[in-house]
Amino acid sequence: MRASRGSEAEVEERRQAVLRHVAQEGEIRIAELASRMHVSVMTMHRDLDNLHDRQLLRKGRGVATAFSNVAMESALRFRENARVEIKSAIADALAEEVSPGDTVLIDCGSTLFPLARRLATVDGIRVITNSLRITYLLAASPAEVTLLGDRYYEDFESCAGPQSRHQLQDIRATVAFVTATSVREGRLFHPVREYAETKQAYLQAADRAVLAVDHSKFGRTATYPYGDVSGYDLLVTDAGTPESELRAVRGLGVEIRTVDPLS
């Protein structure tokens, strides 16, 4: 079925939808997935092979099974309440990078939601973000909030695309806080091209860039590579991150700050 393949972006969007179905049900038959997504069983096998190779689910004989320890990267309802203690500890470290009067860029990842809550108490700051969730979290605060506009992606509850990148060209921020869905040996990956390119634009718009990534994102890849961590001044992660991954980051000259929510 040639029509079912579509463009690279369409194929990746379908695969993210497949991943959501599998995560929601735990296990589902491949034929059922093909029916739900209106594609051939052969196309569904290709999609599942791709997701299996990326270690996002397990493909078995006739069924696809979710990994119990893999949170959905493309659905906020799976991510926001995952690893809350770790995200809170990361947010404490990130908040130290902000001073009253700063202009702060904040990416759309759920790792940064606790940071937004902390910034609500900082005097005189301006926050610029592509995340509707970040905007809501700061709605009742004295912070001046600017929402970058472009194509809206429901799964990420945020906007990304050329218009957002164009807006960032006219902005100079004190610090940018950015997340990553996948980091492997210092290289960065994202399942959606527009987000990969928007994250790069964040770096170019700030005097200082901080990458916030918990241990679960390391050792993984996604469809679109977009450089490495060398564009960041600081990586904030947690004590569960493998030393081999941290060693690769240090080799690229990036400072690392590790938090331990149990300490």
C-alpha atoms as a PDB file:
ATOM      1  CA  MET A   1       0.000   0.000   0.000  1.00  0.00           C
ATOM      2  CA  ARG A   2       2.097   2.917  -1.255  1.00  0.00           C
ATOM      3  CA  ALA A   3      -0.359   5.520   0.040  1.00  0.00           C
ATOM      4  CA  SER A   4       0.094   4.286   3.607  1.00  0.00           C
ATOM      5  CA  ARG A   5       3.793   5.132   3.678  1.00  0.00           C
ATOM      6  CA  GLY A   6       3.545   8.890   3.236  1.00  0.00           C
ATOM      7  CA  SER A   7       6.312  11.377   3.937  1.00  0.00           C
ATOM      8  CA  GLU A   8       8.942  10.829   6.627  1.00  0.00           C
ATOM      9  CA  ALA A   9       7.057  13.155   8.967  1.00  0.00           C
ATOM     10  CA  GLU A  10       3.743  11.356   8.363  1.00  0.00           C
ATOM     11  CA  VAL A  11       5.344   7.971   8.951  1.00  0.00           C
ATOM     12  CA  GLU A  12       6.895   9.148  12.228  1.00  0.00           C
ATOM     13  CA  GLU A  13       3.600  10.642  13.399  1.00  0.00           C
ATOM     14  CA  ARG A  14       1.897   7.295  12.692  1.00  0.00           C
ATOM     15  CA  ARG A  15       4.602   5.450  14.613  1.00  0.00           C
ATOM     16  CA  GLN A  16       4.131   7.751  17.599  1.00  0.00           C
ATOM     17  CA  ALA A  17       0.392   6.997  17.459  1.00  0.00           C
ATOM     18  CA  VAL A  18       1.190   3.274  17.380  1.00  0.00           C
ATOM     19  CA  LEU A  19       3.420   3.719  20.417  1.00  0.00           C
ATOM     20  CA  ARG A  20       0.588   5.418  22.278  1.00  0.00           C
ATOM     21  CA  HIS A  21      -1.822   2.555  21.532  1.00  0.00           C
ATOM     22  CA  VAL A  22       0.694  -0.012  22.774  1.00  0.00           C
ATOM     23  CA  ALA A  23       1.514   1.980  25.917  1.00  0.00           C
ATOM     24  CA  GLN A  24      -2.166   2.424  26.750  1.00  0.00           C
ATOM     25  CA  GLU A  25      -3.042  -1.263  26.393  1.00  0.00           C
ATOM     26  CA  GLY A  26       0.218  -2.911  27.435  1.00  0.00           C
ATOM     27  CA  GLU A  27      -0.061  -5.529  24.686  1.00  0.00           C
ATOM     28  CA  ILE A  28      -1.956  -5.513  21.412  1.00  0.00           C
ATOM     29  CA  ARG A  29      -2.129  -7.736  18.354  1.00  0.00           C
ATOM     30  CA  ILE A  30      -0.336  -6.462  15.262  1.00  0.00           C
ATOM     31  CA  ALA A  31      -3.353  -7.076  13.050  1.00  0.00           C
ATOM     32  CA  GLU A  32      -5.470  -4.948  15.377  1.00  0.00           C
ATOM     33  CA  LEU A  33      -2.925  -2.135  15.232  1.00  0.00           C
ATOM     34  CA  ALA A  34      -2.920  -2.261  11.433  1.00  0.00           C
ATOM     35  CA  SER A  35      -6.712  -2.007  11.426  1.00  0.00           C
ATOM     36  CA  ARG A  36      -6.728   0.947  13.819  1.00  0.00           C
ATOM     37  CA  MET A  37      -4.097   2.836  11.818  1.00  0.00           C
ATOM     38  CA  HIS A  38      -5.701   1.967   8.443  1.00  0.00           C
ATOM     39  CA  VAL A  39      -2.522   0.467   7.009  1.00  0.00           C
ATOM     40  CA  SER A  40      -1.542  -2.967   5.767  1.00  0.00           C
ATOM     41  CA  VAL A  41      -0.171  -5.583   8.160  1.00  0.00           C
ATOM     42  CA  MET A  42       3.139  -5.403   6.242  1.00  0.00           C
ATOM     43  CA  THR A  43       3.346  -1.643   6.867  1.00  0.00           C
ATOM     44  CA  MET A  44       2.573  -2.189  10.535  1.00  0.00           C
ATOM     45  CA  HIS A  45       5.363  -4.766  10.766  1.00  0.00           C
ATOM     46  CA  ARG A  46       7.773  -2.181   9.351  1.00  0.00           C
ATOM     47  CA  ASP A  47       6.606   0.413  11.874  1.00  0.00           C
ATOM     48  CA  LEU A  48       6.952  -2.015  14.768  1.00  0.00           C
ATOM     49  CA  ASP A  49      10.383  -3.167  13.604  1.00  0.00           C
ATOM     50  CA  ASN A  50      11.470   0.474  13.679  1.00  0.00           C
ATOM     51  CA  LEU A  51      10.064   1.063  17.183  1.00  0.00           C
ATOM     52  CA  HIS A  52      11.522  -2.223  18.413  1.00  0.00           C
ATOM     53  CA  ASP A  53      14.994  -1.318  17.059  1.00  0.00           C
ATOM     54  CA  ARG A  54      14.737   2.039  18.876  1.00  0.00           C
ATOM     55  CA  GLN A  55      13.959   0.151  22.110  1.00  0.00           C
ATOM     56  CA  LEU A  56      10.574   1.853  22.491  1.00  0.00           C
ATOM     57  CA  LEU A  57       8.506  -1.345  22.572  1.00  0.00           C
ATOM     58  CA  ARG A  58       8.874  -5.107  22.160  1.00  0.00           C
ATOM     59  CA  LYS A  59       7.671  -6.790  18.980  1.00  0.00           C
ATOM     60  CA  GLY A  60       6.784 -10.454  19.399  1.00  0.00           C
ATOM     61  CA  ARG A  61       5.056 -13.079  17.307  1.00  0.00           C
ATOM     62  CA  GLY A  62       1.804 -11.422  16.297  1.00  0.00           C
ATOM     63  CA  VAL A  63       1.814  -8.885  19.151  1.00  0.00           C
ATOM     64  CA  ALA A  64       3.449  -5.645  20.256  1.00  0.00           C
ATOM     65  CA  THR A  65       4.184  -5.179  23.967  1.00  0.00           C
ATOM     66  CA  ALA A  66       5.035  -2.037  25.925  1.00  0.00           C
ATOM     67  CA  PHE A  67       8.150  -1.894  28.069  1.00  0.00           C
ATOM     68  CA  SER A  68       7.058  -1.425  31.666  1.00  0.00           C
ATOM     69  CA  ASN A  69       9.866   1.092  32.291  1.00  0.00           C
ATOM     70  CA  VAL A  70       9.435   3.193  29.139  1.00  0.00           C
ATOM     71  CA  ALA A  71       7.236   6.285  29.479  1.00  0.00           C
ATOM     72  CA  MET A  72       5.604   7.698  26.391  1.00  0.00           C
ATOM     73  CA  GLU A  73       7.798  10.456  25.015  1.00  0.00           C
ATOM     74  CA  SER A  74       5.048  11.900  22.849  1.00  0.00           C
ATOM     75  CA  ALA A  75       2.129  12.095  25.308  1.00  0.00           C
ATOM     76  CA  LEU A  76       2.239  14.442  28.255  1.00  0.00           C
ATOM     77  CA  ARG A  77      -0.230  12.448  30.295  1.00  0.00           C
ATOM     78  CA  PHE A  78       2.351   9.633  30.435  1.00  0.00           C
ATOM     79  CA  ARG A  79       5.299  11.920  31.131  1.00  0.00           C
ATOM     80  CA  GLU A  80       4.211  14.631  33.502  1.00  0.00           C
ATOM     81  CA  ASN A  81       3.693  12.320  36.471  1.00  0.00           C
ATOM     82  CA  ALA A  82       6.684  10.101  35.787  1.00  0.00           C
ATOM     83  CA  ARG A  83       9.886  10.409  37.864  1.00  0.00           C
ATOM     84  CA  VAL A  84       8.458  13.376  39.770  1.00  0.00           C
ATOM     85  CA  GLU A  85      11.127  13.352  42.500  1.00  0.00           C
ATOM     86  CA  ILE A  86      13.923  13.364  39.945  1.00  0.00           C
ATOM     87  CA  LYS A  87      12.352  16.208  37.975  1.00  0.00           C
ATOM     88  CA  SER A  88      11.890  18.200  41.166  1.00  0.00           C
ATOM     89  CA  ALA A  89      15.563  17.779  42.088  1.00  0.00           C
ATOM     90  CA  ILE A  90      16.602  18.774  38.560  1.00  0.00           C
ATOM     91  CA  ALA A  91      14.357  21.849  38.794  1.00  0.00           C
ATOM     92  CA  ASP A  92      16.068  22.924  42.028  1.00  0.00           C
ATOM     93  CA  ALA A  93      19.418  22.860  40.228  1.00  0.00           C
ATOM     94  CA  LEU A  94      18.065  24.664  37.171  1.00  0.00           C
ATOM     95  CA  ALA A  95      16.495  27.430  39.254  1.00  0.00           C
ATOM     96  CA  GLU A  96      19.977  28.346  40.515  1.00  0.00           C
ATOM     97  CA  GLU A  97      20.780  29.475  36.967  1.00  0.00           C
ATOM     98  CA  VAL A  98      18.090  32.199  37.017  1.00  0.00           C
ATOM     99  CA  SER A  99      18.325  35.673  38.559  1.00  0.00           C
ATOM    100  CA  PRO A 100      15.714  38.435  38.917  1.00  0.00           C
ATOM    101  CA  GLY A 101      15.294  40.361  35.689  1.00  0.00           C
ATOM    102  CA  ASP A 102      16.496  37.548  33.417  1.00  0.00           C
ATOM    103  CA  THR A 103      14.942  36.658  30.084  1.00  0.00           C
ATOM    104  CA  VAL A 104      14.473  32.886  30.122  1.00  0.00           C
ATOM    105  CA  LEU A 105      13.763  30.503  27.246  1.00  0.00           C
ATOM    106  CA  ILE A 106      12.001  27.294  28.313  1.00  0.00           C
ATOM    107  CA  ASP A 107      11.547  24.257  26.087  1.00  0.00           C
ATOM    108  CA  CYS A 108       8.385  22.145  26.125  1.00  0.00           C
ATOM    109  CA  GLY A 109       9.582  18.985  27.875  1.00  0.00           C
ATOM    110  CA  SER A 110       7.823  17.799  31.025  1.00  0.00           C
ATOM    111  CA  THR A 111      11.177  17.781  32.831  1.00  0.00           C
ATOM    112  CA  LEU A 112      10.886  21.580  32.871  1.00  0.00           C
ATOM    113  CA  PHE A 113       7.375  21.829  34.335  1.00  0.00           C
ATOM    114  CA  PRO A 114       8.650  21.912  37.952  1.00  0.00           C
ATOM    115  CA  LEU A 115      11.111  24.644  36.924  1.00  0.00           C
ATOM    116  CA  ALA A 116       8.242  26.789  35.650  1.00  0.00           C
ATOM    117  CA  ARG A 117       6.560  26.533  39.052  1.00  0.00           C
ATOM    118  CA  ARG A 118       9.746  27.735  40.740  1.00  0.00           C
ATOM    119  CA  LEU A 119      10.175  30.650  38.320  1.00  0.00           C
ATOM    120  CA  ALA A 120       6.719  31.934  39.286  1.00  0.00           C
ATOM    121  CA  THR A 121       8.328  33.402  42.414  1.00  0.00           C
ATOM    122  CA  VAL A 122      11.297  35.117  40.721  1.00  0.00           C
ATOM    123  CA  ASP A 123      10.967  38.883  40.407  1.00  0.00           C
ATOM    124  CA  GLY A 124      10.985  40.675  37.077  1.00  0.00           C
ATOM    125  CA  ILE A 125      11.664  37.762  34.767  1.00  0.00           C
ATOM    126  CA  ARG A 126      10.453  37.322  31.217  1.00  0.00           C
ATOM    127  CA  VAL A 127       9.739  33.780  30.055  1.00  0.00           C
ATOM    128  CA  ILE A 128       9.587  32.803  26.387  1.00  0.00           C
ATOM    129  CA  THR A 129       8.365  29.308  25.541  1.00  0.00           C
ATOM    130  CA  ASN A 130       6.746  27.159  22.869  1.00  0.00           C
ATOM    131  CA  SER A 131       4.863  25.168  25.531  1.00  0.00           C
ATOM    132  CA  LEU A 132       1.220  25.810  26.345  1.00  0.00           C
ATOM    133  CA  ARG A 133       1.668  23.882  29.595  1.00  0.00           C
ATOM    134  CA  ILE A 134       4.521  26.153  30.701  1.00  0.00           C
ATOM    135  CA  THR A 135       2.343  29.152  29.829  1.00  0.00           C
ATOM    136  CA  TYR A 136      -0.517  27.820  31.971  1.00  0.00           C
ATOM    137  CA  LEU A 137       1.801  27.132  34.904  1.00  0.00           C
ATOM    138  CA  LEU A 138       2.971  30.767  34.866  1.00  0.00           C
ATOM    139  CA  ALA A 139      -0.428  32.316  34.128  1.00  0.00           C
ATOM    140  CA  ALA A 140      -1.061  33.578  37.662  1.00  0.00           C
ATOM    141  CA  SER A 141       2.532  34.668  38.294  1.00  0.00           C
ATOM    142  CA  PRO A 142       4.021  38.149  37.828  1.00  0.00           C
ATOM    143  CA  ALA A 143       6.333  36.815  35.108  1.00  0.00           C
ATOM    144  CA  GLU A 144       5.932  38.259  31.622  1.00  0.00           C
ATOM    145  CA  VAL A 145       5.246  35.272  29.379  1.00  0.00           C
ATOM    146  CA  THR A 146       5.572  35.105  25.582  1.00  0.00           C
ATOM    147  CA  LEU A 147       4.281  32.058  23.713  1.00  0.00           C
ATOM    148  CA  LEU A 148       6.032  31.194  20.460  1.00  0.00           C
ATOM    149  CA  GLY A 149       3.487  30.363  17.767  1.00  0.00           C
ATOM    150  CA  ASP A 150       3.551  27.860  14.925  1.00  0.00           C
ATOM    151  CA  ARG A 151       2.046  24.477  14.128  1.00  0.00           C
ATOM    152  CA  TYR A 152       0.483  23.015  17.260  1.00  0.00           C
ATOM    153  CA  TYR A 153       1.422  19.426  18.169  1.00  0.00           C
ATOM    154  CA  GLU A 154      -1.169  17.969  20.509  1.00  0.00           C
ATOM    155  CA  ASP A 155       1.066  15.132  21.706  1.00  0.00           C
ATOM    156  CA  PHE A 156       3.663  17.630  22.957  1.00  0.00           C
ATOM    157  CA  GLU A 157       1.127  20.333  23.916  1.00  0.00           C
ATOM    158  CA  SER A 158       3.350  22.893  22.216  1.00  0.00           C
ATOM    159  CA  CYS A 159       4.271  24.580  18.935  1.00  0.00           C
ATOM    160  CA  ALA A 160       7.232  24.013  16.640  1.00  0.00           C
ATOM    161  CA  GLY A 161       8.262  24.918  13.123  1.00  0.00           C
ATOM    162  CA  PRO A 162       9.810  27.644  10.957  1.00  0.00           C
ATOM    163  CA  GLN A 163       7.696  30.445  12.418  1.00  0.00           C
ATOM    164  CA  SER A 164       8.907  29.646  15.936  1.00  0.00           C
ATOM    165  CA  ARG A 165      12.489  29.561  14.732  1.00  0.00           C
ATOM    166  CA  HIS A 166      12.019  32.897  12.958  1.00  0.00           C
ATOM    167  CA  GLN A 167      10.668  34.469  16.162  1.00  0.00           C
ATOM    168  CA  LEU A 168      13.684  33.195  18.070  1.00  0.00           C
ATOM    169  CA  GLN A 169      15.998  35.072  15.701  1.00  0.00           C
ATOM    170  CA  ASP A 170      14.703  38.359  17.171  1.00  0.00           C
ATOM    171  CA  ILE A 171      15.181  37.266  20.804  1.00  0.00           C
ATOM    172  CA  ARG A 172      18.207  37.436  23.090  1.00  0.00           C
ATOM    173  CA  ALA A 173      17.750  35.477  26.293  1.00  0.00           C
ATOM    174  CA  THR A 174      19.931  35.234  29.371  1.00  0.00           C
ATOM    175  CA  VAL A 175      19.545  31.468  29.581  1.00  0.00           C
ATOM    176  CA  ALA A 176      17.786  28.706  27.647  1.00  0.00           C
ATOM    177  CA  PHE A 177      16.563  25.518  29.318  1.00  0.00           C
ATOM    178  CA  VAL A 178      16.162  22.675  26.837  1.00  0.00           C
ATOM    179  CA  THR A 179      15.238  19.000  27.156  1.00  0.00           C
ATOM    180  CA  ALA A 180      16.060  15.995  24.968  1.00  0.00           C
ATOM    181  CA  THR A 181      14.007  12.877  24.290  1.00  0.00           C
ATOM    182  CA  SER A 182      17.067  10.785  23.429  1.00  0.00           C
ATOM    183  CA  VAL A 183      20.795  11.102  24.098  1.00  0.00           C
ATOM    184  CA  ARG A 184      23.354   8.516  23.098  1.00  0.00           C
ATOM    185  CA  GLU A 185      27.119   8.934  23.468  1.00  0.00           C
ATOM    186  CA  GLY A 186      26.679  12.696  23.544  1.00  0.00           C
ATOM    187  CA  ARG A 187      24.517  12.852  20.419  1.00  0.00           C
ATOM    188  CA  LEU A 188      20.968  14.233  20.472  1.00  0.00           C
ATOM    189  CA  PHE A 189      17.866  12.800  18.774  1.00  0.00           C
ATOM    190  CA  HIS A 190      14.172  13.631  18.456  1.00  0.00           C
ATOM    191  CA  PRO A 191      11.285  11.743  16.785  1.00  0.00           C
ATOM    192  CA  VAL A 192       9.950  14.904  15.084  1.00  0.00           C
ATOM    193  CA  ARG A 193      12.161  16.989  12.797  1.00  0.00           C
ATOM    194  CA  GLU A 194      10.500  20.316  13.637  1.00  0.00           C
ATOM    195  CA  TYR A 195      11.329  19.908  17.316  1.00  0.00           C
ATOM    196  CA  ALA A 196      14.920  18.946  16.600  1.00  0.00           C
ATOM    197  CA  GLU A 197      15.371  22.149  14.591  1.00  0.00           C
ATOM    198  CA  THR A 198      13.520  24.311  17.130  1.00  0.00           C
ATOM    199  CA  LYS A 199      15.767  23.062  19.937  1.00  0.00           C
ATOM    200  CA  GLN A 200      18.805  24.124  17.940  1.00  0.00           C
ATOM    201  CA  ALA A 201      17.276  27.574  17.490  1.00  0.00           C
ATOM    202  CA  TYR A 202      16.887  27.876  21.273  1.00  0.00           C
ATOM    203  CA  LEU A 203      20.648  27.563  21.681  1.00  0.00           C
ATOM    204  CA  GLN A 204      21.358  30.328  19.184  1.00  0.00           C
ATOM    205  CA  ALA A 205      18.995  32.741  20.985  1.00  0.00           C
ATOM    206  CA  ALA A 206      20.569  32.551  24.467  1.00  0.00           C
ATOM    207  CA  ASP A 207      23.797  33.623  26.151  1.00  0.00           C
ATOM    208  CA  ARG A 208      23.868  30.401  28.174  1.00  0.00           C
ATOM    209  CA  ALA A 209      22.242  27.048  27.425  1.00  0.00           C
ATOM    210  CA  VAL A 210      21.352  24.332  29.927  1.00  0.00           C
ATOM    211  CA  LEU A 211      20.296  20.808  28.951  1.00  0.00           C
ATOM    212  CA  ALA A 212      17.995  19.031  31.420  1.00  0.00           C
ATOM    213  CA  VAL A 213      17.763  15.261  30.903  1.00  0.00           C
ATOM    214  CA  ASP A 214      16.926  12.483  33.350  1.00  0.00           C
ATOM    215  CA  HIS A 215      18.645   9.085  33.213  1.00  0.00           C
ATOM    216  CA  SER A 216      15.834   7.376  31.272  1.00  0.00           C
ATOM    217  CA  LYS A 217      16.634   9.377  28.105  1.00  0.00           C
ATOM    218  CA  PHE A 218      20.239   8.200  27.795  1.00  0.00           C
ATOM    219  CA  GLY A 219      21.403   5.363  25.585  1.00  0.00           C
ATOM    220  CA  ARG A 220      18.492   5.854  23.177  1.00  0.00           C
ATOM    221  CA  THR A 221      18.039   7.221  19.676  1.00  0.00           C
ATOM    222  CA  ALA A 222      15.159   8.586  17.588  1.00  0.00           C
ATOM    223  CA  THR A 223      14.533   9.356  13.936  1.00  0.00           C
ATOM    224  CA  TYR A 224      16.219  12.748  13.648  1.00  0.00           C
ATOM    225  CA  PRO A 225      19.758  13.379  14.962  1.00  0.00           C
ATOM    226  CA  TYR A 226      20.478  17.049  15.557  1.00  0.00           C
ATOM    227  CA  GLY A 227      24.069  17.424  16.657  1.00  0.00           C
ATOM    228  CA  ASP A 228      25.526  16.798  20.073  1.00  0.00           C
ATOM    229  CA  VAL A 229      25.633  18.255  23.570  1.00  0.00           C
ATOM    230  CA  SER A 230      28.690  20.428  22.848  1.00  0.00           C
ATOM    231  CA  GLY A 231      26.371  23.392  22.150  1.00  0.00           C
ATOM    232  CA  TYR A 232      25.366  23.452  25.839  1.00  0.00           C
ATOM    233  CA  ASP A 233      27.180  25.043  28.749  1.00  0.00           C
ATOM    234  CA  LEU A 234      25.726  22.719  31.368  1.00  0.00           C
ATOM    235  CA  LEU A 235      23.991  19.333  31.583  1.00  0.00           C
ATOM    236  CA  VAL A 236      21.790  18.706  34.610  1.00  0.00           C
ATOM    237  CA  THR A 237      20.844  15.067  35.128  1.00  0.00           C
ATOM    238  CA  ASP A 238      20.303  12.591  37.955  1.00  0.00           C
ATOM    239  CA  ALA A 239      22.473   9.999  39.649  1.00  0.00           C
ATOM    240  CA  GLY A 240      20.926   7.166  37.630  1.00  0.00           C
ATOM    241  CA  THR A 241      22.605   8.223  34.380  1.00  0.00           C
ATOM    242  CA  PRO A 242      25.200   5.656  33.202  1.00  0.00           C
ATOM    243  CA  GLU A 243      28.814   6.727  33.698  1.00  0.00           C
ATOM    244  CA  SER A 244      29.606   5.790  30.088  1.00  0.00           C
ATOM    245  CA  GLU A 245      27.100   8.385  28.888  1.00  0.00           C
ATOM    246  CA  LEU A 246      28.444  11.036  31.269  1.00  0.00           C
ATOM    247  CA  ARG A 247      31.970  10.309  30.085  1.00  0.00           C
ATOM    248  CA  ALA A 248      30.934  11.018  26.491  1.00  0.00           C
ATOM    249  CA  VAL A 249      29.406  14.345  27.583  1.00  0.00           C
ATOM    250  CA  ARG A 250      32.553  15.347  29.485  1.00  0.00           C
ATOM    251  CA  GLY A 251      34.597  14.474  26.423  1.00  0.00           C
ATOM    252  CA  LEU A 252      32.686  17.174  24.540  1.00  0.00           C
ATOM    253  CA  GLY A 253      33.685  19.779  27.130  1.00  0.00           C
ATOM    254  CA  VAL A 254      30.301  20.174  28.827  1.00  0.00           C
ATOM    255  CA  GLU A 255      29.963  20.760  32.568  1.00  0.00           C
ATOM    256  CA  ILE A 256      27.754  18.197  34.332  1.00  0.00           C
ATOM    257  CA  ARG A 257      25.719  18.714  37.478  1.00  0.00           C
ATOM    258  CA  THR A 258      24.224  15.516  38.905  1.00  0.00           C
ATOM    259  CA  VAL A 259      21.351  15.585  41.369  1.00  0.00           C
ATOM    260  CA  ASP A 260      20.289  12.824  43.745  1.00  0.00           C
ATOM    261  CA  PRO A 261      16.637  13.072  44.839  1.00  0.00           C
ATOM    262  CA  LEU A 262      17.301  10.578  47.649  1.00  0.00           C
ATOM    263  CA  SER A 263      19.997  12.646  49.338  1.00  0.00           C
END
